[in-house]
Protein backbone atom coordinates (compact mmCIF):
# COMPACT_ATOMS: atom_id res chain seq x y z
CA MET A 1 83.21 -85.62 -130.86
CA SER A 2 82.15 -84.44 -127.40
CA SER A 3 82.97 -86.39 -124.26
CA SER A 4 79.26 -87.04 -123.68
CA THR A 5 78.89 -88.47 -127.17
CA LEU A 6 81.91 -90.69 -126.61
CA ALA A 7 80.47 -91.85 -123.30
CA MET A 8 77.13 -92.65 -124.92
CA ALA A 9 78.84 -94.55 -127.73
CA ALA A 10 80.86 -96.52 -125.19
CA LEU A 11 77.71 -97.30 -123.23
CA LEU A 12 75.88 -98.50 -126.34
CA LEU A 13 78.87 -100.66 -127.28
CA TRP A 14 78.96 -102.15 -123.78
CA VAL A 15 75.22 -102.87 -123.88
CA SER A 16 75.49 -104.53 -127.28
CA MET A 17 78.37 -106.69 -126.04
CA LEU A 18 76.41 -107.60 -122.94
CA ARG A 19 73.41 -108.60 -125.02
CA GLY A 20 75.66 -110.67 -127.25
CA SER A 21 77.07 -112.58 -124.31
CA THR A 22 73.69 -113.30 -122.71
CA ALA A 23 71.75 -114.26 -125.84
CA GLN A 24 68.88 -116.67 -125.40
CA LEU A 25 68.71 -120.11 -126.95
CA ASP A 26 66.53 -120.31 -130.05
CA ALA A 27 65.14 -123.29 -131.97
CA ASN A 28 65.81 -121.39 -135.23
CA PHE A 29 69.40 -120.49 -134.39
CA TYR A 30 70.93 -122.33 -137.38
CA ASP A 31 68.14 -121.72 -139.90
CA THR A 32 70.34 -119.57 -142.14
CA THR A 33 73.85 -120.67 -141.16
CA CYS A 34 73.33 -124.46 -141.15
CA PRO A 35 69.75 -125.27 -142.20
CA ASP A 36 70.37 -129.04 -142.51
CA VAL A 37 71.83 -129.47 -139.03
CA LEU A 38 68.97 -131.60 -137.67
CA SER A 39 68.83 -133.95 -140.65
CA ILE A 40 72.62 -134.37 -140.64
CA VAL A 41 72.65 -135.33 -136.96
CA GLN A 42 69.71 -137.66 -137.47
CA GLN A 43 71.39 -139.46 -140.37
CA VAL A 44 74.65 -140.08 -138.52
CA ILE A 45 72.79 -141.46 -135.49
CA SER A 46 70.61 -143.63 -137.70
CA ASN A 47 73.70 -145.11 -139.32
CA ALA A 48 75.36 -145.70 -135.96
CA SER A 49 72.29 -147.40 -134.51
CA GLN A 50 72.47 -150.09 -137.19
CA THR A 51 75.51 -151.56 -135.45
CA ASP A 52 75.14 -150.24 -131.90
CA ILE A 53 71.76 -150.75 -130.24
CA ARG A 54 72.99 -148.86 -127.17
CA ILE A 55 73.97 -145.64 -128.93
CA GLY A 56 70.69 -143.81 -128.21
CA ALA A 57 70.96 -144.29 -124.46
CA SER A 58 74.66 -143.43 -124.60
CA LEU A 59 74.09 -140.10 -126.36
CA ILE A 60 71.38 -139.06 -123.89
CA ARG A 61 73.76 -139.92 -121.05
CA LEU A 62 76.49 -137.76 -122.62
CA HIS A 63 74.16 -134.76 -122.72
CA PHE A 64 73.11 -135.38 -119.10
CA HIS A 65 76.68 -135.77 -117.85
CA ASP A 66 77.69 -132.65 -119.76
CA CYS A 67 74.92 -130.40 -118.43
CA PHE A 68 75.41 -131.31 -114.76
CA VAL A 69 79.00 -130.03 -114.77
CA ASP A 70 79.17 -126.25 -115.30
CA GLY A 71 76.20 -126.34 -117.66
CA CYS A 72 75.61 -127.65 -121.18
CA ASP A 73 78.92 -126.55 -122.70
CA GLY A 74 80.39 -129.66 -124.33
CA SER A 75 83.14 -129.88 -121.71
CA ILE A 76 82.68 -133.64 -121.32
CA LEU A 77 83.99 -134.11 -124.87
CA LEU A 78 87.40 -132.54 -124.29
CA ASP A 79 90.42 -134.84 -124.19
CA ASN A 80 93.44 -134.45 -121.94
CA SER A 81 95.99 -131.88 -123.07
CA SER A 82 98.75 -129.79 -121.55
CA THR A 83 96.10 -127.38 -120.29
CA ILE A 84 93.03 -129.59 -119.81
CA GLU A 85 92.29 -132.44 -117.41
CA THR A 86 89.49 -134.33 -119.07
CA GLU A 87 86.14 -135.01 -117.41
CA LYS A 88 86.18 -138.39 -119.12
CA ASP A 89 88.51 -139.62 -116.37
CA ALA A 90 86.12 -138.63 -113.57
CA ALA A 91 84.77 -141.63 -111.64
CA PRO A 92 81.14 -141.19 -112.81
CA ASN A 93 82.29 -141.12 -116.45
CA VAL A 94 84.96 -143.83 -116.63
CA ASN A 95 83.50 -146.94 -118.29
CA SER A 96 80.10 -145.24 -118.20
CA THR A 97 80.03 -142.54 -120.85
CA ARG A 98 80.44 -143.66 -124.44
CA GLY A 99 79.45 -142.60 -127.95
CA PHE A 100 82.29 -140.11 -128.39
CA GLY A 101 83.12 -141.55 -131.81
CA VAL A 102 79.58 -140.91 -133.03
CA VAL A 103 79.81 -137.32 -131.81
CA ASP A 104 83.04 -137.03 -133.80
CA ASP A 105 81.24 -138.37 -136.88
CA ILE A 106 78.44 -135.84 -136.43
CA LYS A 107 80.94 -133.01 -136.05
CA THR A 108 82.81 -134.08 -139.19
CA ALA A 109 79.60 -134.19 -141.20
CA LEU A 110 78.57 -130.76 -139.96
CA GLU A 111 82.00 -129.25 -140.62
CA ASN A 112 81.77 -130.54 -144.19
CA SER A 113 78.37 -128.88 -144.61
CA CYS A 114 78.76 -125.66 -142.61
CA PRO A 115 82.28 -125.24 -141.20
CA GLY A 116 82.81 -123.49 -137.90
CA VAL A 117 79.11 -122.99 -137.19
CA VAL A 118 77.55 -125.69 -134.99
CA SER A 119 78.88 -126.10 -131.46
CA CYS A 120 79.67 -129.43 -129.86
CA ALA A 121 77.34 -128.53 -126.98
CA ASP A 122 74.46 -128.16 -129.44
CA ILE A 123 75.41 -131.44 -131.10
CA LEU A 124 74.87 -133.20 -127.76
CA ALA A 125 71.51 -131.49 -127.27
CA ILE A 126 70.28 -132.40 -130.76
CA ALA A 127 71.66 -135.94 -130.53
CA ALA A 128 69.82 -136.54 -127.26
CA GLU A 129 66.48 -135.67 -128.86
CA GLU A 130 67.17 -137.69 -132.00
CA SER A 131 68.14 -140.70 -129.87
CA VAL A 132 64.70 -141.20 -128.34
CA ALA A 133 63.40 -143.32 -131.19
CA GLY A 134 59.77 -144.27 -130.67
CA GLY A 135 59.55 -142.04 -127.61
CA PRO A 136 58.75 -138.37 -127.06
CA SER A 137 60.03 -135.53 -129.22
CA TRP A 138 60.65 -131.91 -128.36
CA THR A 139 61.88 -128.70 -129.92
CA VAL A 140 65.59 -128.39 -129.20
CA LEU A 141 66.64 -124.86 -128.34
CA LEU A 142 70.01 -124.00 -129.87
CA GLY A 143 72.78 -121.45 -129.74
CA ARG A 144 75.06 -122.92 -127.08
CA ARG A 145 78.77 -122.34 -127.39
CA ASP A 146 81.59 -124.60 -126.26
CA SER A 147 83.69 -124.30 -123.14
CA THR A 148 87.43 -123.84 -123.44
CA THR A 149 88.20 -126.02 -120.44
CA ALA A 150 86.91 -128.98 -118.44
CA ASN A 151 86.11 -129.55 -114.76
CA VAL A 152 87.02 -133.04 -113.60
CA THR A 153 86.48 -132.08 -109.95
CA GLY A 154 82.96 -130.91 -110.74
CA ALA A 155 82.29 -134.14 -112.61
CA ASN A 156 83.34 -136.14 -109.55
CA THR A 157 81.13 -134.15 -107.18
CA ASN A 158 78.13 -132.90 -109.20
CA LEU A 159 77.03 -135.97 -111.12
CA PRO A 160 74.44 -138.21 -109.44
CA ALA A 161 75.83 -141.61 -108.49
CA PRO A 162 73.99 -144.96 -108.82
CA SER A 163 74.32 -145.70 -105.10
CA GLU A 164 73.05 -142.36 -103.77
CA ASN A 165 69.91 -141.95 -101.69
CA LEU A 166 66.93 -139.82 -102.64
CA THR A 167 67.89 -136.86 -100.47
CA THR A 168 71.27 -136.56 -102.19
CA LEU A 169 69.72 -136.96 -105.64
CA ILE A 170 67.17 -134.22 -104.97
CA THR A 171 69.94 -131.92 -103.75
CA LYS A 172 72.11 -132.49 -106.82
CA PHE A 173 69.19 -131.79 -109.15
CA SER A 174 68.21 -128.71 -107.17
CA ASP A 175 71.77 -127.42 -107.39
CA VAL A 176 71.39 -127.12 -111.17
CA GLY A 177 67.86 -125.72 -111.06
CA LEU A 178 65.89 -128.94 -111.60
CA ASP A 179 63.05 -130.07 -109.34
CA THR A 180 61.72 -133.40 -108.11
CA THR A 181 59.54 -133.90 -111.18
CA ASP A 182 62.60 -133.39 -113.39
CA LEU A 183 64.47 -135.97 -111.29
CA VAL A 184 61.81 -138.64 -111.77
CA ALA A 185 61.24 -137.83 -115.44
CA LEU A 186 64.91 -137.75 -116.44
CA SER A 187 65.57 -140.96 -114.50
CA GLY A 188 63.12 -142.48 -116.97
CA ALA A 189 65.90 -142.39 -119.56
CA HIS A 190 66.91 -145.64 -117.84
CA THR A 191 64.07 -147.24 -119.75
CA PHE A 192 66.80 -148.30 -122.17
CA GLY A 193 70.54 -148.78 -121.96
CA ARG A 194 72.84 -150.87 -119.77
CA ALA A 195 74.79 -150.62 -116.51
CA ARG A 196 77.84 -152.57 -115.35
CA CYS A 197 77.65 -154.99 -112.43
CA VAL A 198 80.07 -152.83 -110.46
CA SER A 199 77.41 -150.09 -110.42
CA PHE A 200 75.01 -152.12 -108.30
CA ILE A 201 76.96 -155.09 -106.89
CA ASP A 202 76.68 -153.81 -103.31
CA ARG A 203 72.88 -154.02 -103.55
CA LEU A 204 73.18 -157.73 -104.22
CA TYR A 205 75.48 -158.75 -101.38
CA ASN A 206 76.43 -155.94 -99.02
CA PHE A 207 73.89 -153.14 -99.09
CA SER A 208 75.07 -150.14 -97.05
CA GLY A 209 77.66 -152.37 -95.35
CA THR A 210 75.04 -154.70 -93.84
CA GLY A 211 76.43 -157.88 -95.39
CA SER A 212 72.98 -158.55 -96.85
CA PRO A 213 71.17 -157.64 -100.09
CA ASP A 214 69.09 -154.48 -100.45
CA PRO A 215 65.75 -155.38 -98.80
CA THR A 216 63.84 -153.41 -101.43
CA LEU A 217 64.97 -155.73 -104.23
CA ASN A 218 62.37 -158.15 -105.58
CA SER A 219 63.63 -161.60 -104.53
CA THR A 220 63.23 -163.14 -107.98
CA TYR A 221 64.97 -160.19 -109.61
CA LEU A 222 67.71 -160.39 -106.96
CA ALA A 223 68.39 -164.04 -107.82
CA THR A 224 68.60 -163.16 -111.52
CA LEU A 225 71.07 -160.37 -110.87
CA GLN A 226 73.18 -162.51 -108.53
CA GLN A 227 73.48 -165.11 -111.27
CA LEU A 228 74.57 -162.43 -113.74
CA CYS A 229 76.89 -160.70 -111.27
CA PRO A 230 78.39 -163.24 -108.83
CA GLN A 231 80.59 -162.07 -105.98
CA GLY A 232 84.15 -161.71 -107.21
CA GLY A 233 82.96 -161.87 -110.81
CA ASN A 234 83.59 -159.56 -113.74
CA GLY A 235 82.36 -156.13 -112.72
CA SER A 236 82.17 -155.01 -116.36
CA VAL A 237 79.36 -157.41 -117.26
CA LEU A 238 76.35 -155.43 -118.48
CA ALA A 239 72.79 -155.64 -117.19
CA ASP A 240 69.68 -154.12 -118.76
CA LEU A 241 68.48 -151.03 -116.95
CA ASP A 242 64.97 -152.09 -117.95
CA PRO A 243 64.69 -155.91 -117.82
CA THR A 244 61.31 -155.94 -119.57
CA THR A 245 61.85 -153.85 -122.73
CA PRO A 246 65.58 -153.05 -122.62
CA ASP A 247 65.87 -151.39 -126.02
CA GLU A 248 62.59 -149.48 -126.20
CA PHE A 249 61.80 -146.03 -124.89
CA ASP A 250 58.58 -146.55 -122.93
CA ASN A 251 57.24 -146.22 -119.38
CA ASN A 252 58.07 -149.76 -118.23
CA TYR A 253 60.92 -148.36 -116.15
CA TYR A 254 58.33 -147.03 -113.69
CA SER A 255 56.37 -150.28 -113.60
CA ASN A 256 59.64 -151.99 -112.74
CA LEU A 257 60.11 -149.65 -109.78
CA GLU A 258 56.62 -150.50 -108.51
CA SER A 259 57.64 -154.18 -108.67
CA ASN A 260 60.89 -153.44 -106.81
CA GLU A 261 62.87 -154.20 -109.95
CA GLY A 262 64.88 -151.01 -110.28
CA LEU A 263 68.43 -151.96 -111.24
CA LEU A 264 70.27 -149.12 -109.52
CA GLN A 265 69.73 -147.95 -105.97
CA SER A 266 69.21 -144.43 -107.34
CA ASP A 267 66.35 -145.83 -109.44
CA GLN A 268 64.55 -147.74 -106.70
CA GLU A 269 64.93 -144.86 -104.23
CA LEU A 270 62.34 -142.94 -106.27
CA TYR A 271 59.63 -145.41 -105.26
CA SER A 272 60.86 -147.16 -102.11
CA THR A 273 61.73 -144.11 -100.01
CA SER A 274 58.93 -143.93 -97.44
CA GLY A 275 56.78 -140.81 -97.70
CA ALA A 276 58.68 -139.37 -100.66
CA ASP A 277 56.96 -137.01 -103.10
CA THR A 278 58.49 -139.02 -105.92
CA ILE A 279 56.26 -142.05 -105.27
CA SER A 280 53.14 -140.48 -106.73
CA ILE A 281 55.08 -139.23 -109.76
CA VAL A 282 56.39 -142.75 -110.41
CA SER A 283 52.87 -144.16 -110.14
CA ASN A 284 51.51 -141.53 -112.52
CA PHE A 285 54.16 -142.24 -115.14
CA SER A 286 53.70 -145.99 -114.71
CA SER A 287 49.99 -145.78 -115.51
CA ASN A 288 50.16 -142.97 -118.08
CA GLN A 289 52.88 -143.17 -120.72
CA SER A 290 51.68 -139.96 -122.38
CA ALA A 291 52.20 -138.08 -119.12
CA PHE A 292 55.72 -139.48 -118.88
CA PHE A 293 56.57 -138.58 -122.47
CA GLU A 294 55.25 -135.03 -122.09
CA THR A 295 57.08 -134.45 -118.82
CA PHE A 296 60.29 -136.06 -120.05
CA ALA A 297 60.35 -133.74 -123.06
CA GLN A 298 59.93 -130.66 -120.88
CA SER A 299 62.54 -131.87 -118.41
CA MET A 300 65.03 -132.40 -121.24
CA ILE A 301 64.42 -128.80 -122.31
CA ASN A 302 64.89 -127.68 -118.71
CA MET A 303 68.15 -129.60 -118.46
CA GLY A 304 69.36 -128.22 -121.78
CA ASN A 305 68.93 -124.72 -120.38
CA ILE A 306 71.41 -125.24 -117.54
CA SER A 307 73.97 -122.41 -117.73
CA PRO A 308 74.66 -122.43 -121.48
CA LEU A 309 77.44 -120.31 -122.92
CA THR A 310 75.95 -117.98 -125.53
CA GLY A 311 76.75 -114.91 -127.58
CA SER A 312 80.46 -114.12 -127.32
CA GLU A 313 81.11 -116.58 -124.47
CA GLY A 314 83.21 -119.68 -125.05
CA GLU A 315 83.99 -120.79 -128.58
CA ILE A 316 82.85 -122.99 -131.46
CA ARG A 317 85.23 -125.95 -131.49
CA LEU A 318 86.31 -127.33 -134.84
CA ASP A 319 87.10 -130.64 -133.13
CA CYS A 320 84.90 -131.58 -130.16
CA ARG A 321 87.82 -133.26 -128.40
CA LEU A 322 90.12 -130.24 -128.58
CA GLY A 323 89.74 -126.80 -127.10
CA CYS A 324 91.17 -123.77 -128.86
CA GLY A 325 94.02 -123.03 -126.48
CA ALA A 326 96.60 -123.43 -129.28
CA SER A 327 98.31 -126.17 -127.24
CA LEU A 328 98.74 -128.06 -130.52
CA LEU A 329 101.40 -125.51 -131.51
CA LEU A 330 103.69 -126.18 -128.56
CA ASP A 331 106.94 -128.03 -129.26
CA GLY A 332 108.35 -130.83 -127.11
CA SER A 333 108.62 -134.61 -127.36
CA ASP A 334 105.45 -135.02 -125.30
CA GLY A 335 103.58 -132.28 -127.16
CA GLU A 336 100.28 -132.74 -128.96
CA LYS A 337 102.07 -132.54 -132.32
CA PHE A 338 103.32 -136.06 -131.71
CA ALA A 339 99.99 -137.58 -130.71
CA ILE A 340 98.91 -140.36 -133.05
CA VAL A 341 96.01 -138.36 -134.45
CA ASN A 342 98.32 -135.42 -135.27
CA LYS A 343 101.59 -137.04 -136.34
CA ASN A 344 101.92 -136.93 -140.14
CA SER A 345 98.50 -135.28 -140.23
CA ALA A 346 98.66 -131.83 -138.66
CA ARG A 347 100.74 -129.38 -140.71
CA GLY A 348 101.04 -125.68 -141.49
CA PHE A 349 102.98 -124.81 -138.35
CA GLU A 350 105.47 -122.71 -140.33
CA VAL A 351 102.66 -120.58 -141.73
CA VAL A 352 101.39 -119.97 -138.21
CA ASP A 353 104.91 -118.93 -137.22
CA THR A 354 105.01 -116.49 -140.14
CA ILE A 355 101.65 -115.01 -139.16
CA LYS A 356 102.77 -114.65 -135.55
CA ARG A 357 105.94 -112.79 -136.59
CA ALA A 358 103.94 -110.42 -138.79
CA VAL A 359 101.41 -109.77 -136.04
CA GLU A 360 104.16 -109.20 -133.48
CA SER A 361 105.72 -106.62 -135.79
CA ALA A 362 102.45 -104.71 -135.85
CA CYS A 363 101.32 -105.13 -132.23
CA ILE A 364 103.74 -106.74 -129.81
CA GLY A 365 102.33 -109.17 -127.24
CA VAL A 366 98.68 -108.60 -128.12
CA VAL A 367 97.25 -111.36 -130.35
CA SER A 368 97.17 -114.92 -129.00
CA CYS A 369 98.20 -117.99 -130.96
CA ALA A 370 94.74 -119.43 -130.31
CA ASP A 371 93.12 -116.44 -132.01
CA ILE A 372 95.55 -116.72 -134.92
CA LEU A 373 94.32 -120.28 -135.53
CA ALA A 374 90.68 -119.18 -135.33
CA ILE A 375 91.18 -116.27 -137.75
CA ALA A 376 93.26 -118.39 -140.14
CA ALA A 377 90.54 -121.06 -140.26
CA ARG A 378 87.90 -118.44 -141.04
CA ASP A 379 89.97 -116.73 -143.74
CA PHE A 380 90.83 -120.04 -145.40
CA VAL A 381 87.14 -120.90 -145.71
CA PHE A 382 86.54 -117.43 -147.18
CA LEU A 383 89.36 -117.82 -149.71
CA ILE A 384 88.30 -121.24 -150.99
CA SER A 385 84.71 -120.05 -151.27
């Protein structure tokens, strides 16, 4: 083969690899590999909602908190390990994000139906859409892959905080490619769900260090919140984000803002910031629920498109809490082998050792332990099929 032919072949291979790593999201991504993915996710969420009225809001929040940190890559689901510092411990996520057990249940159901196919990042995207019962619906674009690591620093700095002003909120949304309309629309997810007293206690007694309540708070609503959240009280007490219809997905959130009854400062800022472009958007959504639903759906699609890993990037986790760094294989008294979920459960380590020795005999120092686990999982599924 001539050198020019080799060069052309190499170029074509490089182009094909590049295309594979920059593939676009597609609503039909799992049509042949896992055709029942949507119904499986829907069923698990439906079952969970029978005993947890908050699960819908919690799953939307998980997707939001995932996408704002290095894109929609499922990194928020990773637990601590010898190589990973979990985003779950970041200040905006502690005692705020929940629903991880339901995500685990969804993953288990999908692995039973189509093993090694559906990413955890896509599970969050689908779950968010399925969680808006009685609200808008949208076509979820799919094909995301999972990150192999987490970014706790990014979670601490990138996620919007409940006490931030409008300028900061706009900047944080802009940083991930979302505009002011997206900010107002996605904030509308606070039409259901709860927040802890600690998230807004300063508004009730010491707003911005003034020693007085937030002047934008409706006085009647302020008294109600002060009764629920007294100074020195339990900061974990929950308050409805929407005091009028707390468990329904509707546009009352925006009517509340017009009445100065936004629970969080970041909510009320959308309407009470003098001269802000967000005021007219709030008023439009307050008077026109259809406009809110339509815009919310598009903004969720926009958010779901934030820096996804596709093609050959990242991985497809078999367990949403664990990356594929093969850290499970490491020995040591504080190793993952001895974690409660693994002790007397995880096995087959000797077989992995045997594979590693055989591979090392053929190609020394080339194949990683993480790849051995991935290949072994694939080949086992092939053999039992």
